[in-house]
């Protein structure tokens, strides 16, 4: 069995601590904060999922996130304030069809944007991907207009690799995106110098 075929087993109790954040497996306690983020106008514009009509619509995605975590397909972390445990955002790292290549997706609650929490958390999840998941390459995409996400990815050491004219559809319109990546070799060079 190759390393790609092996299941990645990470306990749901696993946590990553940064200077200001605790990254942990999502829970039902997060749902009110997730729902409140989706109430901000434009919050979901750069994401493939639409805002839920009711808070109850968030329980099924939570169940799916837990199942994906257990199967080692996707590790979705709630980013919580280290002192209060209050949700700041969410970041996920998921397997792709390419061997040892993982993909990142993330969002920050609008009340906490622009404070560096996502850059801090993204760097920790990239390290997790390379050190614990055996990734050799990690990539992420952002909607062209989303300059905040672009800056977060750049600060984390990611570099532009290609433009995607038809990344996904939103309300019948194609969203343009850029794809960025970081290799383990580049990450090691940035973190060992």
N, C-alpha and C. Protein backbone atom coordinates (compact mmCIF):
# COMPACT_ATOMS: atom_id res chain seq x y z
N UNK A 1 0.85 -1.19 0.00
CA UNK A 1 0.00 0.00 0.00
C UNK A 1 0.89 1.25 0.00
N UNK A 2 0.66 2.16 -0.93
CA UNK A 2 1.47 3.37 -0.99
C UNK A 2 1.05 4.34 0.11
N UNK A 3 1.89 5.34 0.38
CA UNK A 3 1.56 6.33 1.40
C UNK A 3 0.31 7.10 1.02
N UNK A 4 0.04 7.23 -0.31
CA UNK A 4 -1.15 7.95 -0.76
C UNK A 4 -2.42 7.16 -0.41
N UNK A 5 -2.32 5.83 -0.47
CA UNK A 5 -3.48 4.98 -0.19
C UNK A 5 -3.73 4.80 1.30
N UNK A 6 -2.72 5.04 2.10
CA UNK A 6 -2.88 4.87 3.54
C UNK A 6 -3.82 5.94 4.09
N UNK A 7 -4.63 5.54 5.03
CA UNK A 7 -5.51 6.52 5.66
C UNK A 7 -4.71 7.34 6.65
N UNK A 8 -5.02 8.61 6.71
CA UNK A 8 -4.39 9.50 7.66
C UNK A 8 -5.29 9.57 8.88
N UNK A 9 -4.81 9.06 10.01
CA UNK A 9 -5.62 9.03 11.22
C UNK A 9 -5.13 10.14 12.16
N UNK A 10 -5.98 11.11 12.36
CA UNK A 10 -5.72 12.19 13.30
C UNK A 10 -6.91 12.24 14.24
N UNK A 11 -6.68 12.10 15.51
CA UNK A 11 -7.76 12.12 16.50
C UNK A 11 -8.54 13.43 16.44
N UNK A 12 -9.84 13.35 16.69
CA UNK A 12 -10.65 14.56 16.74
C UNK A 12 -10.28 15.44 17.93
N UNK A 13 -9.51 14.92 18.86
CA UNK A 13 -9.03 15.71 19.98
C UNK A 13 -7.77 16.51 19.62
N UNK A 14 -7.21 16.24 18.44
CA UNK A 14 -5.99 16.92 18.01
C UNK A 14 -6.24 18.42 17.90
N UNK A 15 -5.29 19.21 18.38
CA UNK A 15 -5.38 20.67 18.31
C UNK A 15 -4.03 21.24 17.93
N UNK A 16 -4.08 22.41 17.32
CA UNK A 16 -2.87 23.17 16.99
C UNK A 16 -2.99 24.49 17.73
N UNK A 17 -1.95 24.85 18.45
CA UNK A 17 -1.95 26.13 19.15
C UNK A 17 -0.95 27.07 18.50
N UNK A 18 -1.40 28.30 18.25
CA UNK A 18 -0.52 29.36 17.76
C UNK A 18 -0.40 30.40 18.86
N UNK A 19 0.20 31.52 18.58
CA UNK A 19 0.36 32.57 19.59
C UNK A 19 -0.98 33.05 20.15
N UNK A 20 -1.98 33.19 19.27
CA UNK A 20 -3.27 33.73 19.71
C UNK A 20 -4.46 32.81 19.49
N UNK A 21 -4.24 31.69 18.80
CA UNK A 21 -5.37 30.86 18.37
C UNK A 21 -5.22 29.41 18.78
N UNK A 22 -6.37 28.76 18.88
CA UNK A 22 -6.44 27.33 19.07
C UNK A 22 -7.22 26.78 17.88
N UNK A 23 -6.60 25.88 17.13
CA UNK A 23 -7.25 25.26 15.98
C UNK A 23 -7.69 23.87 16.42
N UNK A 24 -8.99 23.63 16.31
CA UNK A 24 -9.57 22.37 16.81
C UNK A 24 -10.65 21.88 15.86
N UNK A 25 -11.02 20.64 16.06
CA UNK A 25 -12.09 20.04 15.26
C UNK A 25 -13.39 20.83 15.48
N UNK A 26 -14.16 21.09 14.43
CA UNK A 26 -15.42 21.83 14.59
C UNK A 26 -16.40 21.10 15.51
N UNK A 27 -17.28 21.88 16.13
CA UNK A 27 -18.30 21.30 17.00
C UNK A 27 -19.61 22.07 16.84
N UNK A 28 -20.67 21.49 17.38
CA UNK A 28 -21.99 22.15 17.32
C UNK A 28 -21.97 23.50 18.03
N UNK A 29 -21.08 23.66 19.00
CA UNK A 29 -20.99 24.95 19.72
C UNK A 29 -20.56 26.09 18.80
N UNK A 30 -19.93 25.76 17.66
CA UNK A 30 -19.48 26.78 16.71
C UNK A 30 -20.61 27.31 15.83
N UNK A 31 -21.68 26.56 15.71
CA UNK A 31 -22.71 26.86 14.71
C UNK A 31 -23.30 28.27 14.84
N UNK A 32 -23.64 28.76 16.03
CA UNK A 32 -24.16 30.13 16.09
C UNK A 32 -23.20 31.18 15.52
N UNK A 33 -21.90 31.01 15.76
CA UNK A 33 -20.92 31.96 15.22
C UNK A 33 -20.77 31.82 13.71
N UNK A 34 -20.80 30.58 13.20
CA UNK A 34 -20.74 30.37 11.75
C UNK A 34 -21.96 31.03 11.11
N UNK A 35 -23.12 30.81 11.69
CA UNK A 35 -24.35 31.40 11.14
C UNK A 35 -24.27 32.93 11.16
N UNK A 36 -23.75 33.49 12.25
CA UNK A 36 -23.67 34.96 12.32
C UNK A 36 -22.73 35.51 11.24
N UNK A 37 -21.66 34.77 10.90
CA UNK A 37 -20.76 35.22 9.83
C UNK A 37 -21.49 35.29 8.50
N UNK A 38 -22.37 34.32 8.25
CA UNK A 38 -23.08 34.27 6.97
C UNK A 38 -24.14 35.35 6.85
N UNK A 39 -24.43 36.07 7.92
CA UNK A 39 -25.42 37.15 7.87
C UNK A 39 -24.82 38.45 7.35
N UNK A 40 -23.49 38.53 7.26
CA UNK A 40 -22.84 39.73 6.75
C UNK A 40 -22.94 39.75 5.23
N UNK A 41 -23.38 40.86 4.68
CA UNK A 41 -23.53 40.99 3.23
C UNK A 41 -22.20 40.72 2.54
N UNK A 42 -22.23 39.87 1.53
CA UNK A 42 -21.05 39.57 0.74
C UNK A 42 -20.14 38.51 1.32
N UNK A 43 -20.42 38.02 2.52
CA UNK A 43 -19.53 37.06 3.17
C UNK A 43 -19.29 35.83 2.30
N UNK A 44 -20.33 35.30 1.69
CA UNK A 44 -20.20 34.06 0.91
C UNK A 44 -19.84 34.28 -0.56
N UNK A 45 -19.63 35.52 -0.98
CA UNK A 45 -19.42 35.79 -2.40
C UNK A 45 -18.25 35.04 -3.02
N UNK A 46 -17.18 34.85 -2.29
CA UNK A 46 -16.01 34.17 -2.83
C UNK A 46 -15.95 32.69 -2.52
N UNK A 47 -17.05 32.15 -2.01
CA UNK A 47 -17.10 30.74 -1.63
C UNK A 47 -18.10 29.99 -2.50
N UNK A 48 -17.87 28.70 -2.64
CA UNK A 48 -18.76 27.90 -3.47
C UNK A 48 -20.10 27.62 -2.79
N UNK A 49 -20.17 27.74 -1.49
CA UNK A 49 -21.42 27.48 -0.78
C UNK A 49 -22.19 28.77 -0.54
N UNK A 50 -23.50 28.63 -0.54
CA UNK A 50 -24.40 29.77 -0.34
C UNK A 50 -24.70 29.91 1.16
N UNK A 51 -25.04 31.11 1.61
CA UNK A 51 -25.40 31.26 3.03
C UNK A 51 -26.67 30.48 3.34
N UNK A 52 -26.71 29.85 4.50
CA UNK A 52 -27.91 29.09 4.87
C UNK A 52 -29.09 30.03 5.16
N UNK A 53 -30.28 29.53 4.87
CA UNK A 53 -31.49 30.31 5.18
C UNK A 53 -31.77 30.28 6.67
N UNK A 54 -31.45 29.14 7.31
CA UNK A 54 -31.68 28.99 8.75
C UNK A 54 -30.44 28.38 9.39
N UNK A 55 -30.31 28.56 10.69
CA UNK A 55 -29.17 27.99 11.42
C UNK A 55 -29.16 26.47 11.36
N UNK A 56 -30.34 25.85 11.27
CA UNK A 56 -30.43 24.39 11.23
C UNK A 56 -29.74 23.78 10.00
N UNK A 57 -29.61 24.56 8.93
CA UNK A 57 -28.96 24.05 7.72
C UNK A 57 -27.46 23.82 7.92
N UNK A 58 -26.90 24.28 9.02
CA UNK A 58 -25.46 24.12 9.27
C UNK A 58 -25.11 22.81 9.97
N UNK A 59 -26.11 22.08 10.45
CA UNK A 59 -25.81 20.84 11.16
C UNK A 59 -25.36 19.72 10.22
N UNK A 60 -25.93 19.63 9.04
CA UNK A 60 -25.52 18.60 8.09
C UNK A 60 -24.09 18.82 7.60
N UNK A 61 -23.70 20.06 7.22
CA UNK A 61 -22.29 20.26 6.86
C UNK A 61 -21.32 19.93 8.00
N UNK A 62 -21.72 20.21 9.24
CA UNK A 62 -20.88 19.85 10.39
C UNK A 62 -20.72 18.33 10.47
N UNK A 63 -21.80 17.60 10.29
CA UNK A 63 -21.74 16.13 10.32
C UNK A 63 -20.79 15.62 9.22
N UNK A 64 -20.88 16.22 8.03
CA UNK A 64 -20.00 15.83 6.92
C UNK A 64 -18.54 16.15 7.23
N UNK A 65 -18.29 17.29 7.88
CA UNK A 65 -16.92 17.64 8.24
C UNK A 65 -16.33 16.63 9.21
N UNK A 66 -17.14 16.19 10.16
CA UNK A 66 -16.67 15.19 11.13
C UNK A 66 -16.37 13.86 10.44
N UNK A 67 -17.26 13.44 9.54
CA UNK A 67 -17.04 12.19 8.79
C UNK A 67 -15.78 12.28 7.93
N UNK A 68 -15.57 13.42 7.27
CA UNK A 68 -14.38 13.61 6.44
C UNK A 68 -13.12 13.58 7.30
N UNK A 69 -13.20 14.17 8.51
CA UNK A 69 -12.06 14.15 9.44
C UNK A 69 -11.74 12.70 9.80
N UNK A 70 -12.77 11.94 10.19
CA UNK A 70 -12.58 10.55 10.60
C UNK A 70 -11.98 9.71 9.47
N UNK A 71 -12.36 10.01 8.23
CA UNK A 71 -11.87 9.26 7.07
C UNK A 71 -10.50 9.73 6.59
N UNK A 72 -10.00 10.84 7.16
CA UNK A 72 -8.70 11.36 6.75
C UNK A 72 -8.71 12.06 5.41
N UNK A 73 -9.90 12.47 4.94
CA UNK A 73 -10.01 13.15 3.64
C UNK A 73 -9.82 14.66 3.76
N UNK A 74 -10.43 15.23 4.79
CA UNK A 74 -10.37 16.68 5.01
C UNK A 74 -10.29 16.93 6.51
N UNK A 75 -9.41 17.83 6.89
CA UNK A 75 -9.31 18.24 8.28
C UNK A 75 -9.73 19.70 8.35
N UNK A 76 -10.96 19.91 8.79
CA UNK A 76 -11.51 21.27 8.94
C UNK A 76 -11.29 21.70 10.38
N UNK A 77 -10.58 22.80 10.54
CA UNK A 77 -10.30 23.30 11.88
C UNK A 77 -11.11 24.56 12.14
N UNK A 78 -11.74 24.60 13.31
CA UNK A 78 -12.29 25.86 13.81
C UNK A 78 -11.11 26.63 14.37
N UNK A 79 -11.01 27.89 13.98
CA UNK A 79 -9.98 28.78 14.55
C UNK A 79 -10.67 29.53 15.68
N UNK A 80 -10.20 29.28 16.90
CA UNK A 80 -10.83 29.88 18.08
C UNK A 80 -9.82 30.77 18.79
N UNK A 81 -10.33 31.81 19.41
CA UNK A 81 -9.50 32.68 20.24
C UNK A 81 -8.95 31.85 21.39
N UNK A 82 -7.65 31.93 21.61
CA UNK A 82 -6.99 31.10 22.61
C UNK A 82 -7.55 31.32 24.01
N UNK A 83 -7.89 32.55 24.35
CA UNK A 83 -8.36 32.83 25.70
C UNK A 83 -9.86 32.58 25.89
N UNK A 84 -10.67 32.90 24.88
CA UNK A 84 -12.13 32.79 25.06
C UNK A 84 -12.74 31.56 24.39
N UNK A 85 -12.01 30.90 23.48
CA UNK A 85 -12.49 29.77 22.69
C UNK A 85 -13.59 30.19 21.71
N UNK A 86 -13.77 31.49 21.49
CA UNK A 86 -14.79 32.00 20.57
C UNK A 86 -14.30 31.86 19.13
N UNK A 87 -15.18 31.43 18.23
CA UNK A 87 -14.82 31.21 16.83
C UNK A 87 -14.35 32.49 16.14
N UNK A 88 -13.20 32.38 15.46
CA UNK A 88 -12.65 33.46 14.65
C UNK A 88 -12.85 33.15 13.17
N UNK A 89 -12.78 31.87 12.82
CA UNK A 89 -12.92 31.46 11.43
C UNK A 89 -12.80 29.97 11.29
N UNK A 90 -12.58 29.56 10.06
CA UNK A 90 -12.47 28.12 9.77
C UNK A 90 -11.43 27.95 8.68
N UNK A 91 -10.66 26.86 8.79
CA UNK A 91 -9.66 26.53 7.77
C UNK A 91 -9.68 25.02 7.58
N UNK A 92 -9.65 24.60 6.33
CA UNK A 92 -9.66 23.17 6.03
C UNK A 92 -8.53 22.81 5.08
N UNK A 93 -8.00 21.62 5.26
CA UNK A 93 -6.99 21.08 4.36
C UNK A 93 -7.50 19.73 3.90
N UNK A 94 -7.61 19.57 2.57
CA UNK A 94 -8.23 18.36 2.03
C UNK A 94 -7.32 17.70 0.99
N UNK A 95 -7.43 16.34 0.93
CA UNK A 95 -6.70 15.58 -0.07
C UNK A 95 -7.19 15.95 -1.45
N UNK A 96 -6.30 15.92 -2.41
CA UNK A 96 -6.68 16.06 -3.80
C UNK A 96 -6.48 14.71 -4.48
N UNK A 97 -6.79 14.64 -5.76
CA UNK A 97 -6.58 13.40 -6.50
C UNK A 97 -5.10 13.17 -6.82
N UNK A 98 -4.29 14.20 -6.65
CA UNK A 98 -2.86 14.08 -6.93
C UNK A 98 -2.13 13.59 -5.67
N UNK A 99 -1.21 12.69 -5.86
CA UNK A 99 -0.50 12.09 -4.73
C UNK A 99 0.26 13.14 -3.92
N UNK A 100 0.01 13.14 -2.62
CA UNK A 100 0.69 14.01 -1.64
C UNK A 100 0.46 15.50 -1.88
N UNK A 101 -0.61 15.84 -2.59
CA UNK A 101 -0.98 17.24 -2.80
C UNK A 101 -2.28 17.49 -2.04
N UNK A 102 -2.27 18.51 -1.20
CA UNK A 102 -3.43 18.87 -0.40
C UNK A 102 -3.86 20.29 -0.78
N UNK A 103 -5.12 20.59 -0.54
CA UNK A 103 -5.70 21.88 -0.91
C UNK A 103 -6.27 22.56 0.33
N UNK A 104 -6.08 23.88 0.40
CA UNK A 104 -6.56 24.67 1.54
C UNK A 104 -7.77 25.51 1.15
N UNK A 105 -8.66 25.69 2.10
CA UNK A 105 -9.76 26.64 1.99
C UNK A 105 -9.95 27.28 3.35
N UNK A 106 -10.37 28.54 3.39
CA UNK A 106 -10.48 29.21 4.69
C UNK A 106 -11.41 30.41 4.60
N UNK A 107 -11.90 30.81 5.76
CA UNK A 107 -12.65 32.06 5.89
C UNK A 107 -12.49 32.59 7.31
N UNK A 108 -12.62 33.90 7.43
CA UNK A 108 -12.54 34.57 8.72
C UNK A 108 -13.88 35.26 8.98
N UNK A 109 -14.37 35.14 10.20
CA UNK A 109 -15.60 35.85 10.56
C UNK A 109 -15.36 37.34 10.31
N UNK A 110 -16.30 38.03 9.67
CA UNK A 110 -16.08 39.45 9.36
C UNK A 110 -15.70 40.32 10.56
N UNK A 111 -16.13 39.94 11.76
CA UNK A 111 -15.77 40.73 12.95
C UNK A 111 -14.29 40.62 13.31
N UNK A 112 -13.60 39.64 12.72
CA UNK A 112 -12.19 39.39 13.07
C UNK A 112 -11.24 39.56 11.89
N UNK A 113 -11.73 40.02 10.76
CA UNK A 113 -10.88 40.18 9.58
C UNK A 113 -9.88 41.32 9.77
N UNK A 114 -8.75 41.19 9.08
CA UNK A 114 -7.75 42.24 9.09
C UNK A 114 -6.89 42.31 10.34
N UNK A 115 -6.92 41.26 11.18
CA UNK A 115 -6.16 41.27 12.43
C UNK A 115 -5.02 40.25 12.44
N UNK A 116 -4.80 39.58 11.30
CA UNK A 116 -3.69 38.64 11.19
C UNK A 116 -3.97 37.24 11.69
N UNK A 117 -5.20 36.97 12.15
CA UNK A 117 -5.51 35.63 12.67
C UNK A 117 -5.37 34.55 11.59
N UNK A 118 -5.84 34.85 10.37
CA UNK A 118 -5.80 33.82 9.33
C UNK A 118 -4.38 33.54 8.88
N UNK A 119 -3.56 34.56 8.76
CA UNK A 119 -2.17 34.33 8.37
C UNK A 119 -1.49 33.44 9.41
N UNK A 120 -1.70 33.73 10.67
CA UNK A 120 -1.13 32.95 11.77
C UNK A 120 -1.60 31.49 11.70
N UNK A 121 -2.90 31.32 11.47
CA UNK A 121 -3.49 29.98 11.43
C UNK A 121 -3.09 29.22 10.18
N UNK A 122 -3.04 29.91 9.04
CA UNK A 122 -2.68 29.26 7.79
C UNK A 122 -1.26 28.72 7.84
N UNK A 123 -0.35 29.48 8.40
CA UNK A 123 1.03 29.01 8.53
C UNK A 123 1.09 27.73 9.36
N UNK A 124 0.27 27.66 10.42
CA UNK A 124 0.24 26.47 11.27
C UNK A 124 -0.34 25.27 10.54
N UNK A 125 -1.37 25.49 9.71
CA UNK A 125 -1.99 24.38 8.98
C UNK A 125 -1.08 23.92 7.83
N UNK A 126 -0.35 24.83 7.23
CA UNK A 126 0.63 24.42 6.22
C UNK A 126 1.69 23.52 6.86
N UNK A 127 2.17 23.91 8.04
CA UNK A 127 3.13 23.06 8.76
C UNK A 127 2.52 21.69 9.06
N UNK A 128 1.27 21.67 9.52
CA UNK A 128 0.55 20.42 9.78
C UNK A 128 0.50 19.57 8.51
N UNK A 129 0.21 20.20 7.38
CA UNK A 129 0.12 19.47 6.11
C UNK A 129 1.43 18.81 5.73
N UNK A 130 2.51 19.53 5.87
CA UNK A 130 3.81 18.97 5.50
C UNK A 130 4.34 17.98 6.53
N UNK A 131 4.18 18.30 7.81
CA UNK A 131 4.76 17.47 8.87
C UNK A 131 3.90 16.26 9.26
N UNK A 132 2.59 16.43 9.30
CA UNK A 132 1.71 15.34 9.77
C UNK A 132 1.02 14.58 8.64
N UNK A 133 0.71 15.27 7.54
CA UNK A 133 -0.04 14.62 6.46
C UNK A 133 0.85 14.11 5.33
N UNK A 134 2.12 14.46 5.36
CA UNK A 134 3.04 13.99 4.32
C UNK A 134 2.89 14.70 2.99
N UNK A 135 2.32 15.89 3.01
CA UNK A 135 2.16 16.65 1.76
C UNK A 135 3.52 17.03 1.20
N UNK A 136 3.61 17.03 -0.11
CA UNK A 136 4.80 17.55 -0.79
C UNK A 136 4.48 18.89 -1.45
N UNK A 137 3.18 19.17 -1.57
CA UNK A 137 2.72 20.41 -2.20
C UNK A 137 1.34 20.73 -1.62
N UNK A 138 1.11 22.01 -1.33
CA UNK A 138 -0.19 22.47 -0.82
C UNK A 138 -0.61 23.65 -1.68
N UNK A 139 -1.87 23.62 -2.15
CA UNK A 139 -2.34 24.72 -2.99
C UNK A 139 -3.63 25.30 -2.44
N UNK A 140 -4.01 26.45 -2.98
CA UNK A 140 -5.23 27.14 -2.59
C UNK A 140 -5.61 28.09 -3.73
N UNK A 141 -6.89 28.41 -3.82
CA UNK A 141 -7.37 29.37 -4.82
C UNK A 141 -8.13 30.48 -4.12
N UNK A 142 -8.15 31.64 -4.77
CA UNK A 142 -8.95 32.75 -4.25
C UNK A 142 -9.60 33.48 -5.41
N UNK A 143 -10.81 33.99 -5.18
CA UNK A 143 -11.49 34.79 -6.19
C UNK A 143 -10.64 36.01 -6.49
N UNK A 144 -10.54 36.37 -7.76
CA UNK A 144 -9.65 37.44 -8.19
C UNK A 144 -9.82 38.73 -7.40
N UNK A 145 -11.04 39.07 -7.05
CA UNK A 145 -11.30 40.32 -6.34
C UNK A 145 -10.94 40.25 -4.85
N UNK A 146 -10.68 39.04 -4.33
CA UNK A 146 -10.48 38.86 -2.90
C UNK A 146 -9.01 39.11 -2.52
N UNK A 147 -8.67 40.38 -2.43
CA UNK A 147 -7.28 40.77 -2.16
C UNK A 147 -6.84 40.38 -0.75
N UNK A 148 -7.78 40.30 0.19
CA UNK A 148 -7.44 39.87 1.55
C UNK A 148 -6.91 38.45 1.56
N UNK A 149 -7.61 37.55 0.86
CA UNK A 149 -7.15 36.15 0.78
C UNK A 149 -5.83 36.05 0.04
N UNK A 150 -5.67 36.85 -1.01
CA UNK A 150 -4.41 36.85 -1.74
C UNK A 150 -3.25 37.22 -0.82
N UNK A 151 -3.42 38.26 0.00
CA UNK A 151 -2.36 38.69 0.91
C UNK A 151 -2.05 37.61 1.95
N UNK A 152 -3.08 36.97 2.48
CA UNK A 152 -2.87 35.90 3.46
C UNK A 152 -2.04 34.78 2.84
N UNK A 153 -2.38 34.37 1.62
CA UNK A 153 -1.65 33.29 0.96
C UNK A 153 -0.20 33.71 0.68
N UNK A 154 0.00 34.93 0.24
CA UNK A 154 1.36 35.41 -0.02
C UNK A 154 2.19 35.46 1.26
N UNK A 155 1.60 35.95 2.36
CA UNK A 155 2.32 36.01 3.64
C UNK A 155 2.68 34.63 4.16
N UNK A 156 1.93 33.62 3.71
CA UNK A 156 2.19 32.25 4.14
C UNK A 156 3.22 31.55 3.27
N UNK A 157 3.76 32.27 2.29
CA UNK A 157 4.81 31.72 1.44
C UNK A 157 4.32 31.14 0.13
N UNK A 158 3.03 31.22 -0.14
CA UNK A 158 2.51 30.65 -1.39
C UNK A 158 2.81 31.58 -2.56
N UNK A 159 2.95 30.95 -3.73
CA UNK A 159 3.26 31.69 -4.95
C UNK A 159 2.22 31.37 -6.02
N UNK A 160 1.97 32.36 -6.88
CA UNK A 160 1.02 32.22 -7.97
C UNK A 160 1.47 31.12 -8.92
N UNK A 161 0.51 30.26 -9.34
CA UNK A 161 0.85 29.25 -10.35
C UNK A 161 -0.02 29.36 -11.59
N UNK A 162 -1.30 29.79 -11.44
CA UNK A 162 -2.10 29.93 -12.65
C UNK A 162 -3.41 30.66 -12.40
N UNK A 163 -3.90 31.26 -13.45
CA UNK A 163 -5.19 31.94 -13.49
C UNK A 163 -6.26 30.93 -13.91
N UNK A 164 -7.42 30.96 -13.25
CA UNK A 164 -8.53 30.06 -13.57
C UNK A 164 -9.73 30.92 -13.97
N UNK A 165 -10.03 31.01 -15.27
CA UNK A 165 -11.11 31.90 -15.71
C UNK A 165 -12.50 31.45 -15.26
N UNK A 166 -12.69 30.15 -15.09
CA UNK A 166 -14.00 29.60 -14.69
C UNK A 166 -13.83 28.70 -13.47
N UNK A 167 -13.52 29.31 -12.33
CA UNK A 167 -13.24 28.53 -11.11
C UNK A 167 -14.51 27.87 -10.57
N UNK A 168 -15.58 28.65 -10.44
CA UNK A 168 -16.87 28.11 -10.01
C UNK A 168 -17.94 29.13 -10.35
N UNK A 169 -19.19 28.68 -10.31
CA UNK A 169 -20.29 29.59 -10.63
C UNK A 169 -20.96 30.10 -9.37
N UNK A 170 -21.36 31.36 -9.44
CA UNK A 170 -22.09 32.00 -8.36
C UNK A 170 -23.22 32.79 -9.00
N UNK A 171 -24.45 32.40 -8.67
CA UNK A 171 -25.64 33.06 -9.22
C UNK A 171 -25.59 33.14 -10.75
N UNK A 172 -25.16 32.05 -11.37
CA UNK A 172 -25.12 31.95 -12.82
C UNK A 172 -23.94 32.62 -13.49
N UNK A 173 -23.05 33.21 -12.72
CA UNK A 173 -21.87 33.89 -13.27
C UNK A 173 -20.60 33.13 -12.87
N UNK A 174 -19.67 33.05 -13.82
CA UNK A 174 -18.40 32.42 -13.51
C UNK A 174 -17.54 33.34 -12.64
N UNK A 175 -16.92 32.77 -11.63
CA UNK A 175 -15.99 33.49 -10.77
C UNK A 175 -14.57 33.17 -11.24
N UNK A 176 -13.80 34.21 -11.49
CA UNK A 176 -12.40 34.05 -11.86
C UNK A 176 -11.57 33.89 -10.58
N UNK A 177 -10.53 33.08 -10.67
CA UNK A 177 -9.70 32.85 -9.50
C UNK A 177 -8.24 32.71 -9.91
N UNK A 178 -7.38 32.83 -8.93
CA UNK A 178 -5.96 32.52 -9.08
C UNK A 178 -5.64 31.35 -8.17
N UNK A 179 -4.79 30.47 -8.65
CA UNK A 179 -4.33 29.34 -7.84
C UNK A 179 -2.91 29.64 -7.39
N UNK A 180 -2.65 29.34 -6.12
CA UNK A 180 -1.31 29.52 -5.54
C UNK A 180 -0.89 28.22 -4.88
N UNK A 181 0.41 28.08 -4.66
CA UNK A 181 0.89 26.86 -4.02
C UNK A 181 2.20 27.12 -3.28
N UNK A 182 2.50 26.16 -2.42
CA UNK A 182 3.81 26.12 -1.77
C UNK A 182 4.24 24.66 -1.75
N UNK A 183 5.50 24.41 -2.08
CA UNK A 183 6.04 23.07 -2.02
C UNK A 183 6.73 22.87 -0.67
N UNK A 184 6.91 21.62 -0.31
CA UNK A 184 7.59 21.35 0.96
C UNK A 184 9.01 21.90 0.91
N UNK A 185 9.66 21.79 -0.23
CA UNK A 185 11.02 22.31 -0.38
C UNK A 185 11.06 23.82 -0.12
N UNK A 186 10.11 24.55 -0.68
CA UNK A 186 10.05 26.00 -0.49
C UNK A 186 9.73 26.32 0.97
N UNK A 187 8.79 25.57 1.55
CA UNK A 187 8.42 25.78 2.96
C UNK A 187 9.62 25.56 3.88
N UNK A 188 10.37 24.50 3.62
CA UNK A 188 11.56 24.23 4.43
C UNK A 188 12.58 25.35 4.29
N UNK A 189 12.74 25.84 3.06
CA UNK A 189 13.70 26.94 2.84
C UNK A 189 13.28 28.20 3.59
N UNK A 190 11.98 28.48 3.62
CA UNK A 190 11.48 29.67 4.31
C UNK A 190 11.58 29.54 5.83
N UNK A 191 11.47 28.32 6.33
CA UNK A 191 11.39 28.12 7.77
C UNK A 191 12.67 27.62 8.41
N UNK A 192 13.69 27.34 7.61
CA UNK A 192 14.96 26.87 8.16
C UNK A 192 16.08 27.89 8.00
N UNK A 193 15.73 29.07 7.47
CA UNK A 193 16.79 30.06 7.27
C UNK A 193 16.82 31.07 8.40
